């Protein structure tokens, strides 16, 4: 069993490209394809909005907290460990679009480690 803590320092870059298309339908009909052809309608057409690009770059400090629980067996020149590990990074990701929005990122799951020694 063990616990770990860390602080990561660095630059966080976010690059977003957002494009939107709307389908406008006029006339009678319910089945419509907006890729240029329409079925059962007088006419339809696509409206494309200009793409919206967002670029952000800033310095961040990300705290990390983790831990594990497991068991290991040692042989003459080998060791096998297995258990469960969890790591959580707080405010690690910028998931916002027009403005920054911080999200946590976690990694969880079982692990298996095999170590083999070759003398020495």
PDB file of N, CA and C in Angstrom:
ATOM      1  N   UNK A   1       0.855  -1.168   0.000  1.00  0.00           N
ATOM      2  CA  UNK A   1       0.000   0.000   0.000  1.00  0.00           C
ATOM      3  C   UNK A   1       0.904   1.234   0.000  1.00  0.00           C
ATOM      4  N   UNK A   2       0.508   2.256  -0.711  1.00  0.00           N
ATOM      5  CA  UNK A   2       1.296   3.468  -0.765  1.00  0.00           C
ATOM      6  C   UNK A   2       0.479   4.655  -1.247  1.00  0.00           C
ATOM      7  N   UNK A   3       1.002   5.834  -0.952  1.00  0.00           N
ATOM      8  CA  UNK A   3       0.353   7.091  -1.344  1.00  0.00           C
ATOM      9  C   UNK A   3       1.422   7.981  -1.955  1.00  0.00           C
ATOM     10  N   UNK A   4       1.043   8.748  -2.986  1.00  0.00           N
ATOM     11  CA  UNK A   4       1.994   9.690  -3.574  1.00  0.00           C
ATOM     12  C   UNK A   4       1.312  11.031  -3.813  1.00  0.00           C
ATOM     13  N   UNK A   5       2.117  12.077  -3.810  1.00  0.00           N
ATOM     14  CA  UNK A   5       1.639  13.432  -4.109  1.00  0.00           C
ATOM     15  C   UNK A   5       2.715  14.128  -4.931  1.00  0.00           C
ATOM     16  N   UNK A   6       2.284  14.994  -5.838  1.00  0.00           N
ATOM     17  CA  UNK A   6       3.226  15.721  -6.690  1.00  0.00           C
ATOM     18  C   UNK A   6       2.584  17.022  -7.135  1.00  0.00           C
ATOM     19  N   UNK A   7       3.408  17.916  -7.641  1.00  0.00           N
ATOM     20  CA  UNK A   7       2.927  19.161  -8.242  1.00  0.00           C
ATOM     21  C   UNK A   7       3.623  19.285  -9.596  1.00  0.00           C
ATOM     22  N   UNK A   8       2.835  19.440 -10.643  1.00  0.00           N
ATOM     23  CA  UNK A   8       3.369  19.586 -11.999  1.00  0.00           C
ATOM     24  C   UNK A   8       3.321  21.054 -12.399  1.00  0.00           C
ATOM     25  N   UNK A   9       4.389  21.541 -12.996  1.00  0.00           N
ATOM     26  CA  UNK A   9       4.468  22.919 -13.476  1.00  0.00           C
ATOM     27  C   UNK A   9       4.679  22.874 -14.978  1.00  0.00           C
ATOM     28  N   UNK A  10       4.024  23.759 -15.712  1.00  0.00           N
ATOM     29  CA  UNK A  10       4.252  23.792 -17.160  1.00  0.00           C
ATOM     30  C   UNK A  10       3.295  24.725 -17.869  1.00  0.00           C
ATOM     31  N   UNK A  11       3.302  24.610 -19.169  1.00  0.00           N
ATOM     32  CA  UNK A  11       2.469  25.443 -20.028  1.00  0.00           C
ATOM     33  C   UNK A  11       1.321  24.592 -20.562  1.00  0.00           C
ATOM     34  N   UNK A  12       0.126  25.147 -20.517  1.00  0.00           N
ATOM     35  CA  UNK A  12      -1.071  24.479 -21.025  1.00  0.00           C
ATOM     36  C   UNK A  12      -1.516  25.202 -22.287  1.00  0.00           C
ATOM     37  N   UNK A  13      -1.560  24.488 -23.395  1.00  0.00           N
ATOM     38  CA  UNK A  13      -1.974  25.056 -24.681  1.00  0.00           C
ATOM     39  C   UNK A  13      -3.316  24.484 -25.080  1.00  0.00           C
ATOM     40  N   UNK A  14      -4.197  25.338 -25.569  1.00  0.00           N
ATOM     41  CA  UNK A  14      -5.498  24.922 -26.056  1.00  0.00           C
ATOM     42  C   UNK A  14      -5.714  25.517 -27.436  1.00  0.00           C
ATOM     43  N   UNK A  15      -6.036  24.653 -28.404  1.00  0.00           N
ATOM     44  CA  UNK A  15      -6.327  25.086 -29.766  1.00  0.00           C
ATOM     45  C   UNK A  15      -7.661  24.464 -30.159  1.00  0.00           C
ATOM     46  N   UNK A  16      -8.659  25.299 -30.433  1.00  0.00           N
ATOM     47  CA  UNK A  16      -9.993  24.833 -30.811  1.00  0.00           C
ATOM     48  C   UNK A  16     -10.365  25.363 -32.183  1.00  0.00           C
ATOM     49  N   UNK A  17     -10.947  24.505 -32.991  1.00  0.00           N
ATOM     50  CA  UNK A  17     -11.480  24.906 -34.292  1.00  0.00           C
ATOM     51  C   UNK A  17     -12.932  24.444 -34.315  1.00  0.00           C
ATOM     52  N   UNK A  18     -13.858  25.374 -34.445  1.00  0.00           N
ATOM     53  CA  UNK A  18     -15.288  25.088 -34.374  1.00  0.00           C
ATOM     54  C   UNK A  18     -15.971  25.573 -35.642  1.00  0.00           C
ATOM     55  N   UNK A  19     -16.594  24.667 -36.359  1.00  0.00           N
ATOM     56  CA  UNK A  19     -17.333  25.019 -37.576  1.00  0.00           C
ATOM     57  C   UNK A  19     -18.762  24.515 -37.447  1.00  0.00           C
ATOM     58  N   UNK A  20     -19.722  25.298 -37.947  1.00  0.00           N
ATOM     59  CA  UNK A  20     -21.138  24.968 -37.821  1.00  0.00           C
ATOM     60  C   UNK A  20     -21.806  25.057 -39.184  1.00  0.00           C
ATOM     61  N   UNK A  21     -22.689  24.088 -39.455  1.00  0.00           N
ATOM     62  CA  UNK A  21     -23.525  24.136 -40.652  1.00  0.00           C
ATOM     63  C   UNK A  21     -24.965  23.890 -40.225  1.00  0.00           C
ATOM     64  N   UNK A  22     -25.885  24.667 -40.792  1.00  0.00           N
ATOM     65  CA  UNK A  22     -27.303  24.517 -40.506  1.00  0.00           C
ATOM     66  C   UNK A  22     -28.020  24.097 -41.780  1.00  0.00           C
ATOM     67  N   UNK A  23     -29.058  23.316 -41.623  1.00  0.00           N
ATOM     68  CA  UNK A  23     -29.881  22.897 -42.751  1.00  0.00           C
ATOM     69  C   UNK A  23     -31.189  23.676 -42.705  1.00  0.00           C
ATOM     70  N   UNK A  24     -31.496  24.409 -43.757  1.00  0.00           N
ATOM     71  CA  UNK A  24     -32.747  25.154 -43.855  1.00  0.00           C
ATOM     72  C   UNK A  24     -33.633  24.467 -44.875  1.00  0.00           C
ATOM     73  N   UNK A  25     -34.873  24.217 -44.501  1.00  0.00           N
ATOM     74  CA  UNK A  25     -35.815  23.522 -45.383  1.00  0.00           C
ATOM     75  C   UNK A  25     -37.060  24.390 -45.544  1.00  0.00           C
ATOM     76  N   UNK A  26     -37.482  24.577 -46.790  1.00  0.00           N
ATOM     77  CA  UNK A  26     -38.702  25.323 -47.080  1.00  0.00           C
ATOM     78  C   UNK A  26     -39.623  24.433 -47.888  1.00  0.00           C
ATOM     79  N   UNK A  27     -40.886  24.473 -47.608  1.00  0.00           N
ATOM     80  CA  UNK A  27     -41.859  23.709 -48.385  1.00  0.00           C
ATOM     81  C   UNK A  27     -42.426  22.559 -47.582  1.00  0.00           C
ATOM     82  N   UNK A  28     -43.144  21.694 -48.277  1.00  0.00           N
ATOM     83  CA  UNK A  28     -43.829  20.573 -47.653  1.00  0.00           C
ATOM     84  C   UNK A  28     -42.931  19.347 -47.736  1.00  0.00           C
ATOM     85  N   UNK A  29     -42.885  18.596 -46.661  1.00  0.00           N
ATOM     86  CA  UNK A  29     -42.105  17.369 -46.670  1.00  0.00           C
ATOM     87  C   UNK A  29     -41.424  17.138 -45.338  1.00  0.00           C
ATOM     88  N   UNK A  30     -41.163  15.876 -45.055  1.00  0.00           N
ATOM     89  CA  UNK A  30     -40.520  15.540 -43.798  1.00  0.00           C
ATOM     90  C   UNK A  30     -39.172  14.864 -44.005  1.00  0.00           C
ATOM     91  N   UNK A  31     -38.951  14.245 -45.156  1.00  0.00           N
ATOM     92  CA  UNK A  31     -37.681  13.582 -45.410  1.00  0.00           C
ATOM     93  C   UNK A  31     -36.775  14.530 -46.157  1.00  0.00           C
ATOM     94  N   UNK A  32     -35.683  14.917 -45.534  1.00  0.00           N
ATOM     95  CA  UNK A  32     -34.795  15.899 -46.148  1.00  0.00           C
ATOM     96  C   UNK A  32     -33.346  15.457 -45.970  1.00  0.00           C
ATOM     97  N   UNK A  33     -32.578  15.556 -47.020  1.00  0.00           N
ATOM     98  CA  UNK A  33     -31.132  15.406 -46.951  1.00  0.00           C
ATOM     99  C   UNK A  33     -30.540  16.765 -47.237  1.00  0.00           C
ATOM    100  N   UNK A  34     -29.646  17.217 -46.419  1.00  0.00           N
ATOM    101  CA  UNK A  34     -29.095  18.551 -46.594  1.00  0.00           C
ATOM    102  C   UNK A  34     -27.744  18.557 -47.272  1.00  0.00           C
ATOM    103  N   UNK A  35     -27.376  17.522 -47.919  1.00  0.00           N
ATOM    104  CA  UNK A  35     -26.112  17.510 -48.656  1.00  0.00           C
ATOM    105  C   UNK A  35     -26.335  17.991 -50.082  1.00  0.00           C
ATOM    106  N   UNK A  36     -27.271  18.871 -50.278  1.00  0.00           N
ATOM    107  CA  UNK A  36     -27.513  19.439 -51.602  1.00  0.00           C
ATOM    108  C   UNK A  36     -28.830  18.989 -52.198  1.00  0.00           C
ATOM    109  N   UNK A  37     -29.217  17.738 -51.968  1.00  0.00           N
ATOM    110  CA  UNK A  37     -30.473  17.225 -52.536  1.00  0.00           C
ATOM    111  C   UNK A  37     -31.520  17.148 -51.437  1.00  0.00           C
ATOM    112  N   UNK A  38     -32.781  17.348 -51.811  1.00  0.00           N
ATOM    113  CA  UNK A  38     -33.861  17.240 -50.842  1.00  0.00           C
ATOM    114  C   UNK A  38     -34.894  16.264 -51.368  1.00  0.00           C
ATOM    115  N   UNK A  39     -35.546  15.598 -50.431  1.00  0.00           N
ATOM    116  CA  UNK A  39     -36.578  14.632 -50.788  1.00  0.00           C
ATOM    117  C   UNK A  39     -37.878  15.102 -50.161  1.00  0.00           C
ATOM    118  N   UNK A  40     -38.883  15.327 -50.962  1.00  0.00           N
ATOM    119  CA  UNK A  40     -40.209  15.681 -50.461  1.00  0.00           C
ATOM    120  C   UNK A  40     -40.334  17.100 -49.965  1.00  0.00           C
ATOM    121  N   UNK A  41     -39.457  17.986 -50.328  1.00  0.00           N
ATOM    122  CA  UNK A  41     -39.544  19.383 -49.924  1.00  0.00           C
ATOM    123  C   UNK A  41     -39.372  20.260 -51.153  1.00  0.00           C
ATOM    124  N   UNK A  42     -39.871  21.468 -51.068  1.00  0.00           N
ATOM    125  CA  UNK A  42     -39.730  22.390 -52.185  1.00  0.00           C
ATOM    126  C   UNK A  42     -38.253  22.637 -52.470  1.00  0.00           C
ATOM    127  N   UNK A  43     -37.510  23.036 -51.458  1.00  0.00           N
ATOM    128  CA  UNK A  43     -36.067  23.184 -51.590  1.00  0.00           C
ATOM    129  C   UNK A  43     -35.422  23.296 -50.212  1.00  0.00           C
ATOM    130  N   UNK A  44     -34.147  22.980 -50.156  1.00  0.00           N
ATOM    131  CA  UNK A  44     -33.375  23.102 -48.923  1.00  0.00           C
ATOM    132  C   UNK A  44     -31.980  23.564 -49.292  1.00  0.00           C
ATOM    133  N   UNK A  45     -31.297  24.162 -48.331  1.00  0.00           N
ATOM    134  CA  UNK A  45     -29.929  24.599 -48.581  1.00  0.00           C
ATOM    135  C   UNK A  45     -29.153  24.632 -47.274  1.00  0.00           C
ATOM    136  N   UNK A  46     -27.839  24.579 -47.396  1.00  0.00           N
ATOM    137  CA  UNK A  46     -26.947  24.601 -46.246  1.00  0.00           C
ATOM    138  C   UNK A  46     -26.492  26.033 -45.959  1.00  0.00           C
ATOM    139  N   UNK A  47     -26.415  26.368 -44.684  1.00  0.00           N
ATOM    140  CA  UNK A  47     -25.852  27.641 -44.256  1.00  0.00           C
ATOM    141  C   UNK A  47     -24.611  27.319 -43.431  1.00  0.00           C
ATOM    142  N   UNK A  48     -23.478  27.804 -43.849  1.00  0.00           N
ATOM    143  CA  UNK A  48     -22.232  27.585 -43.119  1.00  0.00           C
ATOM    144  C   UNK A  48     -21.824  28.892 -42.451  1.00  0.00           C
ATOM    145  N   UNK A  49     -21.614  28.814 -41.138  1.00  0.00           N
ATOM    146  CA  UNK A  49     -21.118  29.972 -40.409  1.00  0.00           C
ATOM    147  C   UNK A  49     -19.594  29.997 -40.504  1.00  0.00           C
ATOM    148  N   UNK A  50     -18.993  31.166 -40.426  1.00  0.00           N
ATOM    149  CA  UNK A  50     -17.528  31.204 -40.468  1.00  0.00           C
ATOM    150  C   UNK A  50     -16.936  30.445 -39.280  1.00  0.00           C
ATOM    151  N   UNK A  51     -15.843  29.728 -39.498  1.00  0.00           N
ATOM    152  CA  UNK A  51     -15.249  28.969 -38.399  1.00  0.00           C
ATOM    153  C   UNK A  51     -14.758  29.876 -37.276  1.00  0.00           C
ATOM    154  N   UNK A  52     -14.867  29.366 -36.070  1.00  0.00           N
ATOM    155  CA  UNK A  52     -14.439  30.091 -34.872  1.00  0.00           C
ATOM    156  C   UNK A  52     -13.192  29.397 -34.331  1.00  0.00           C
ATOM    157  N   UNK A  53     -12.079  30.100 -34.317  1.00  0.00           N
ATOM    158  CA  UNK A  53     -10.831  29.542 -33.815  1.00  0.00           C
ATOM    159  C   UNK A  53     -10.479  30.183 -32.484  1.00  0.00           C
ATOM    160  N   UNK A  54     -10.107  29.352 -31.516  1.00  0.00           N
ATOM    161  CA  UNK A  54      -9.709  29.820 -30.196  1.00  0.00           C
ATOM    162  C   UNK A  54      -8.343  29.230 -29.871  1.00  0.00           C
ATOM    163  N   UNK A  55      -7.414  30.080 -29.484  1.00  0.00           N
ATOM    164  CA  UNK A  55      -6.076  29.640 -29.085  1.00  0.00           C
ATOM    165  C   UNK A  55      -5.760  30.276 -27.740  1.00  0.00           C
ATOM    166  N   UNK A  56      -5.427  29.420 -26.763  1.00  0.00           N
ATOM    167  CA  UNK A  56      -5.045  29.897 -25.433  1.00  0.00           C
ATOM    168  C   UNK A  56      -3.754  29.203 -25.015  1.00  0.00           C
ATOM    169  N   UNK A  57      -2.902  29.939 -24.323  1.00  0.00           N
ATOM    170  CA  UNK A  57      -1.681  29.374 -23.769  1.00  0.00           C
ATOM    171  C   UNK A  57      -1.404  30.077 -22.445  1.00  0.00           C
ATOM    172  N   UNK A  58      -1.172  29.276 -21.410  1.00  0.00           N
ATOM    173  CA  UNK A  58      -0.903  29.878 -20.111  1.00  0.00           C
ATOM    174  C   UNK A  58      -0.101  28.918 -19.254  1.00  0.00           C
ATOM    175  N   UNK A  59       0.544  29.467 -18.237  1.00  0.00           N
ATOM    176  CA  UNK A  59       1.291  28.652 -17.281  1.00  0.00           C
ATOM    177  C   UNK A  59       0.316  28.113 -16.237  1.00  0.00           C
ATOM    178  N   UNK A  60       0.480  26.834 -15.882  1.00  0.00           N
ATOM    179  CA  UNK A  60      -0.404  26.214 -14.900  1.00  0.00           C
ATOM    180  C   UNK A  60       0.409  25.423 -13.878  1.00  0.00           C
ATOM    181  N   UNK A  61      -0.201  25.232 -12.722  1.00  0.00           N
ATOM    182  CA  UNK A  61       0.319  24.367 -11.676  1.00  0.00           C
ATOM    183  C   UNK A  61      -0.757  23.323 -11.396  1.00  0.00           C
ATOM    184  N   UNK A  62      -0.414  22.047 -11.541  1.00  0.00           N
ATOM    185  CA  UNK A  62      -1.395  20.967 -11.420  1.00  0.00           C
ATOM    186  C   UNK A  62      -0.999  20.052 -10.261  1.00  0.00           C
ATOM    187  N   UNK A  63      -1.792  20.034  -9.179  1.00  0.00           N
ATOM    188  CA  UNK A  63      -1.507  19.097  -8.095  1.00  0.00           C
ATOM    189  C   UNK A  63      -1.952  17.681  -8.473  1.00  0.00           C
ATOM    190  N   UNK A  64      -1.226  16.696  -7.971  1.00  0.00           N
ATOM    191  CA  UNK A  64      -1.504  15.287  -8.238  1.00  0.00           C
ATOM    192  C   UNK A  64      -1.534  14.534  -6.925  1.00  0.00           C
ATOM    193  N   UNK A  65      -2.523  13.661  -6.768  1.00  0.00           N
ATOM    194  CA  UNK A  65      -2.632  12.814  -5.590  1.00  0.00           C
ATOM    195  C   UNK A  65      -2.957  11.409  -6.064  1.00  0.00           C
ATOM    196  N   UNK A  66      -2.249  10.436  -5.553  1.00  0.00           N
ATOM    197  CA  UNK A  66      -2.470   9.061  -5.991  1.00  0.00           C
ATOM    198  C   UNK A  66      -2.174   8.070  -4.895  1.00  0.00           C
ATOM    199  N   UNK A  67      -2.498   6.834  -5.196  1.00  0.00           N
ATOM    200  CA  UNK A  67      -2.234   5.766  -4.244  1.00  0.00           C
ATOM    201  C   UNK A  67      -2.406   4.416  -4.890  1.00  0.00           C
ATOM    202  N   UNK A  68      -1.939   3.389  -4.194  1.00  0.00           N
ATOM    203  CA  UNK A  68      -2.076   2.035  -4.705  1.00  0.00           C
ATOM    204  C   UNK A  68      -2.190   1.062  -3.552  1.00  0.00           C
ATOM    205  N   UNK A  69      -2.760  -0.076  -3.847  1.00  0.00           N
ATOM    206  CA  UNK A  69      -2.805  -1.193  -2.915  1.00  0.00           C
ATOM    207  C   UNK A  69      -2.523  -2.441  -3.738  1.00  0.00           C
ATOM    208  N   UNK A  70      -1.671  -3.307  -3.216  1.00  0.00           N
ATOM    209  CA  UNK A  70      -1.311  -4.479  -3.991  1.00  0.00           C
ATOM    210  C   UNK A  70      -0.525  -5.480  -3.182  1.00  0.00           C
ATOM    211  N   UNK A  71      -0.100  -6.510  -3.885  1.00  0.00           N
ATOM    212  CA  UNK A  71       0.696  -7.571  -3.280  1.00  0.00           C
ATOM    213  C   UNK A  71       1.789  -7.963  -4.253  1.00  0.00           C
ATOM    214  N   UNK A  72       2.884  -8.502  -3.701  1.00  0.00           N
ATOM    215  CA  UNK A  72       3.979  -8.932  -4.568  1.00  0.00           C
ATOM    216  C   UNK A  72       4.556 -10.235  -4.045  1.00  0.00           C
ATOM    217  N   UNK A  73       5.129 -10.978  -4.986  1.00  0.00           N
ATOM    218  CA  UNK A  73       5.784 -12.242  -4.667  1.00  0.00           C
ATOM    219  C   UNK A  73       7.177 -12.173  -5.264  1.00  0.00           C
ATOM    220  N   UNK A  74       8.199 -12.510  -4.458  1.00  0.00           N
ATOM    221  CA  UNK A  74       9.583 -12.461  -4.931  1.00  0.00           C
ATOM    222  C   UNK A  74      10.103 -13.893  -5.086  1.00  0.00           C
ATOM    223  N   UNK A  75      10.685 -14.138  -6.247  1.00  0.00           N
ATOM    224  CA  UNK A  75      11.368 -15.395  -6.521  1.00  0.00           C
ATOM    225  C   UNK A  75      12.863 -15.110  -6.528  1.00  0.00           C
ATOM    226  N   UNK A  76      13.683 -16.081  -6.901  1.00  0.00           N
ATOM    227  CA  UNK A  76      15.134 -15.910  -6.843  1.00  0.00           C
ATOM    228  C   UNK A  76      15.601 -14.702  -7.647  1.00  0.00           C
ATOM    229  N   UNK A  77      15.245 -14.607  -8.923  1.00  0.00           N
ATOM    230  CA  UNK A  77      15.655 -13.486  -9.779  1.00  0.00           C
ATOM    231  C   UNK A  77      14.460 -12.765 -10.387  1.00  0.00           C
ATOM    232  N   UNK A  78      13.302 -12.851  -9.777  1.00  0.00           N
ATOM    233  CA  UNK A  78      12.106 -12.226 -10.357  1.00  0.00           C
ATOM    234  C   UNK A  78      11.169 -11.752  -9.248  1.00  0.00           C
ATOM    235  N   UNK A  79      10.325 -10.827  -9.620  1.00  0.00           N
ATOM    236  CA  UNK A  79       9.313 -10.310  -8.703  1.00  0.00           C
ATOM    237  C   UNK A  79       8.043 -10.030  -9.500  1.00  0.00           C
ATOM    238  N   UNK A  80       6.901 -10.460  -8.988  1.00  0.00           N
ATOM    239  CA  UNK A  80       5.598 -10.209  -9.614  1.00  0.00           C
ATOM    240  C   UNK A  80       4.764  -9.393  -8.635  1.00  0.00           C
ATOM    241  N   UNK A  81       4.254  -8.248  -9.106  1.00  0.00           N
ATOM    242  CA  UNK A  81       3.398  -7.390  -8.283  1.00  0.00           C
ATOM    243  C   UNK A  81       2.076  -7.180  -9.012  1.00  0.00           C
ATOM    244  N   UNK A  82       0.988  -7.186  -8.260  1.00  0.00           N
ATOM    245  CA  UNK A  82      -0.303  -6.860  -8.844  1.00  0.00           C
ATOM    246  C   UNK A  82      -1.141  -6.131  -7.814  1.00  0.00           C
ATOM    247  N   UNK A  83      -2.058  -5.295  -8.309  1.00  0.00           N
ATOM    248  CA  UNK A  83      -2.897  -4.518  -7.408  1.00  0.00           C
ATOM    249  C   UNK A  83      -3.751  -3.526  -8.166  1.00  0.00           C
ATOM    250  N   UNK A  84      -4.151  -2.481  -7.480  1.00  0.00           N
ATOM    251  CA  UNK A  84      -5.010  -1.439  -8.041  1.00  0.00           C
ATOM    252  C   UNK A  84      -4.360  -0.090  -7.764  1.00  0.00           C
ATOM    253  N   UNK A  85      -4.335   0.781  -8.766  1.00  0.00           N
ATOM    254  CA  UNK A  85      -3.686   2.095  -8.644  1.00  0.00           C
ATOM    255  C   UNK A  85      -4.655   3.184  -9.077  1.00  0.00           C
ATOM    256  N   UNK A  86      -4.592   4.339  -8.412  1.00  0.00           N
ATOM    257  CA  UNK A  86      -5.411   5.504  -8.764  1.00  0.00           C
ATOM    258  C   UNK A  86      -4.536   6.752  -8.718  1.00  0.00           C
ATOM    259  N   UNK A  87      -4.678   7.607  -9.729  1.00  0.00           N
ATOM    260  CA  UNK A  87      -3.983   8.897  -9.799  1.00  0.00           C
ATOM    261  C   UNK A  87      -4.990   9.958 -10.235  1.00  0.00           C
ATOM    262  N   UNK A  88      -5.037  11.065  -9.526  1.00  0.00           N
ATOM    263  CA  UNK A  88      -5.954  12.161  -9.857  1.00  0.00           C
ATOM    264  C   UNK A  88      -5.138  13.438 -10.027  1.00  0.00           C
ATOM    265  N   UNK A  89      -5.352  14.108 -11.171  1.00  0.00           N
ATOM    266  CA  UNK A  89      -4.701  15.381 -11.475  1.00  0.00           C
ATOM    267  C   UNK A  89      -5.780  16.456 -11.428  1.00  0.00           C
ATOM    268  N   UNK A  90      -5.620  17.439 -10.538  1.00  0.00           N
ATOM    269  CA  UNK A  90      -6.650  18.449 -10.301  1.00  0.00           C
ATOM    270  C   UNK A  90      -6.432  19.665 -11.201  1.00  0.00           C
ATOM    271  N   UNK A  91      -7.495  20.129 -11.862  1.00  0.00           N
ATOM    272  CA  UNK A  91      -7.458  21.280 -12.787  1.00  0.00           C
ATOM    273  C   UNK A  91      -6.394  21.079 -13.875  1.00  0.00           C
ATOM    274  N   UNK A  92      -6.316  19.868 -14.399  1.00  0.00           N
ATOM    275  CA  UNK A  92      -5.258  19.520 -15.346  1.00  0.00           C
ATOM    276  C   UNK A  92      -5.599  19.872 -16.790  1.00  0.00           C
ATOM    277  N   UNK A  93      -6.873  19.931 -17.141  1.00  0.00           N
ATOM    278  CA  UNK A  93      -7.252  20.126 -18.538  1.00  0.00           C
ATOM    279  C   UNK A  93      -8.109  21.361 -18.712  1.00  0.00           C
ATOM    280  N   UNK A  94      -7.924  22.030 -19.836  1.00  0.00           N
ATOM    281  CA  UNK A  94      -8.765  23.163 -20.220  1.00  0.00           C
ATOM    282  C   UNK A  94      -9.791  22.633 -21.219  1.00  0.00           C
ATOM    283  N   UNK A  95     -11.013  22.448 -20.760  1.00  0.00           N
ATOM    284  CA  UNK A  95     -12.067  21.906 -21.614  1.00  0.00           C
ATOM    285  C   UNK A  95     -13.065  22.947 -22.054  1.00  0.00           C
ATOM    286  N   UNK A  96     -12.776  24.214 -21.803  1.00  0.00           N
ATOM    287  CA  UNK A  96     -13.687  25.272 -22.191  1.00  0.00           C
ATOM    288  C   UNK A  96     -13.620  25.576 -23.670  1.00  0.00           C
ATOM    289  N   UNK A  97     -14.595  26.317 -24.144  1.00  0.00           N
ATOM    290  CA  UNK A  97     -14.590  26.703 -25.552  1.00  0.00           C
ATOM    291  C   UNK A  97     -14.279  28.191 -25.681  1.00  0.00           C
ATOM    292  N   UNK A  98     -15.233  29.049 -25.491  1.00  0.00           N
ATOM    293  CA  UNK A  98     -14.976  30.491 -25.621  1.00  0.00           C
ATOM    294  C   UNK A  98     -14.087  30.994 -24.480  1.00  0.00           C
ATOM    295  N   UNK A  99     -14.277  30.438 -23.289  1.00  0.00           N
ATOM    296  CA  UNK A  99     -13.447  30.795 -22.137  1.00  0.00           C
ATOM    297  C   UNK A  99     -12.886  29.519 -21.514  1.00  0.00           C
ATOM    298  N   UNK A 100     -11.857  29.675 -20.712  1.00  0.00           N
ATOM    299  CA  UNK A 100     -11.219  28.517 -20.077  1.00  0.00           C
ATOM    300  C   UNK A 100     -12.144  27.895 -19.041  1.00  0.00           C
ATOM    301  N   UNK A 101     -12.159  26.573 -18.986  1.00  0.00           N
ATOM    302  CA  UNK A 101     -12.908  25.834 -17.977  1.00  0.00           C
ATOM    303  C   UNK A 101     -12.040  24.660 -17.552  1.00  0.00           C
ATOM    304  N   UNK A 102     -11.746  24.570 -16.260  1.00  0.00           N
ATOM    305  CA  UNK A 102     -10.818  23.564 -15.760  1.00  0.00           C
ATOM    306  C   UNK A 102     -11.539  22.255 -15.448  1.00  0.00           C
ATOM    307  N   UNK A 103     -10.879  21.149 -15.794  1.00  0.00           N
ATOM    308  CA  UNK A 103     -11.397  19.816 -15.516  1.00  0.00           C
ATOM    309  C   UNK A 103     -10.302  18.983 -14.870  1.00  0.00           C
ATOM    310  N   UNK A 104     -10.717  18.072 -13.976  1.00  0.00           N
ATOM    311  CA  UNK A 104      -9.793  17.121 -13.377  1.00  0.00           C
ATOM    312  C   UNK A 104      -9.611  15.942 -14.333  1.00  0.00           C
ATOM    313  N   UNK A 105      -8.498  15.225 -14.164  1.00  0.00           N
ATOM    314  CA  UNK A 105      -8.229  14.054 -14.995  1.00  0.00           C
ATOM    315  C   UNK A 105      -7.717  12.957 -14.088  1.00  0.00           C
ATOM    316  N   UNK A 106      -8.376  11.801 -14.126  1.00  0.00           N
ATOM    317  CA  UNK A 106      -7.979  10.697 -13.274  1.00  0.00           C
ATOM    318  C   UNK A 106      -7.658   9.442 -14.072  1.00  0.00           C
ATOM    319  N   UNK A 107      -6.752   8.656 -13.539  1.00  0.00           N
ATOM    320  CA  UNK A 107      -6.386   7.370 -14.119  1.00  0.00           C
ATOM    321  C   UNK A 107      -6.538   6.324 -13.023  1.00  0.00           C
ATOM    322  N   UNK A 108      -7.341   5.298 -13.282  1.00  0.00           N
ATOM    323  CA  UNK A 108      -7.619   4.275 -12.280  1.00  0.00           C
ATOM    324  C   UNK A 108      -7.575   2.907 -12.942  1.00  0.00           C
ATOM    325  N   UNK A 109      -7.192   1.896 -12.169  1.00  0.00           N
ATOM    326  CA  UNK A 109      -7.295   0.552 -12.694  1.00  0.00           C
ATOM    327  C   UNK A 109      -6.290  -0.409 -12.105  1.00  0.00           C
ATOM    328  N   UNK A 110      -6.459  -1.676 -12.461  1.00  0.00           N
ATOM    329  CA  UNK A 110      -5.541  -2.697 -11.966  1.00  0.00           C
ATOM    330  C   UNK A 110      -4.190  -2.605 -12.669  1.00  0.00           C
ATOM    331  N   UNK A 111      -3.161  -3.138 -12.012  1.00  0.00           N
ATOM    332  CA  UNK A 111      -1.835  -3.164 -12.631  1.00  0.00           C
ATOM    333  C   UNK A 111      -1.181  -4.511 -12.356  1.00  0.00           C
ATOM    334  N   UNK A 112      -0.245  -4.857 -13.227  1.00  0.00           N
ATOM    335  CA  UNK A 112       0.573  -6.052 -13.095  1.00  0.00           C
ATOM    336  C   UNK A 112       1.987  -5.674 -13.483  1.00  0.00           C
ATOM    337  N   UNK A 113       2.937  -5.978 -12.624  1.00  0.00           N
ATOM    338  CA  UNK A 113       4.330  -5.644 -12.881  1.00  0.00           C
ATOM    339  C   UNK A 113       5.177  -6.901 -12.733  1.00  0.00           C
ATOM    340  N   UNK A 114       5.997  -7.188 -13.728  1.00  0.00           N
ATOM    341  CA  UNK A 114       6.902  -8.330 -13.711  1.00  0.00           C
ATOM    342  C   UNK A 114       8.326  -7.803 -13.838  1.00  0.00           C
ATOM    343  N   UNK A 115       9.169  -8.101 -12.862  1.00  0.00           N
ATOM    344  CA  UNK A 115      10.571  -7.685 -12.864  1.00  0.00           C
ATOM    345  C   UNK A 115      11.454  -8.929 -12.885  1.00  0.00           C
ATOM    346  N   UNK A 116      12.424  -8.917 -13.802  1.00  0.00           N
ATOM    347  CA  UNK A 116      13.346 -10.037 -13.919  1.00  0.00           C
ATOM    348  C   UNK A 116      14.761  -9.501 -13.807  1.00  0.00           C
ATOM    349  N   UNK A 117      15.582 -10.109 -12.938  1.00  0.00           N
ATOM    350  CA  UNK A 117      16.981  -9.717 -12.779  1.00  0.00           C
ATOM    351  C   UNK A 117      17.877 -10.632 -13.582  1.00  0.00           C
ATOM    352  N   UNK A 118      18.904 -10.043 -14.208  1.00  0.00           N
ATOM    353  CA  UNK A 118      19.838 -10.814 -15.027  1.00  0.00           C
ATOM    354  C   UNK A 118      21.225 -10.842 -14.388  1.00  0.00           C
ATOM    355  N   UNK A 119      21.292 -11.126 -13.115  1.00  0.00           N
ATOM    356  CA  UNK A 119      22.591 -11.223 -12.437  1.00  0.00           C
ATOM    357  C   UNK A 119      23.093  -9.881 -11.970  1.00  0.00           C
ATOM    358  N   UNK A 120      24.331  -9.839 -11.530  1.00  0.00           N
ATOM    359  CA  UNK A 120      24.932  -8.569 -11.147  1.00  0.00           C
ATOM    360  C   UNK A 120      25.093  -8.498  -9.725  1.00  0.00           C
TER     361      UNK A 120
END
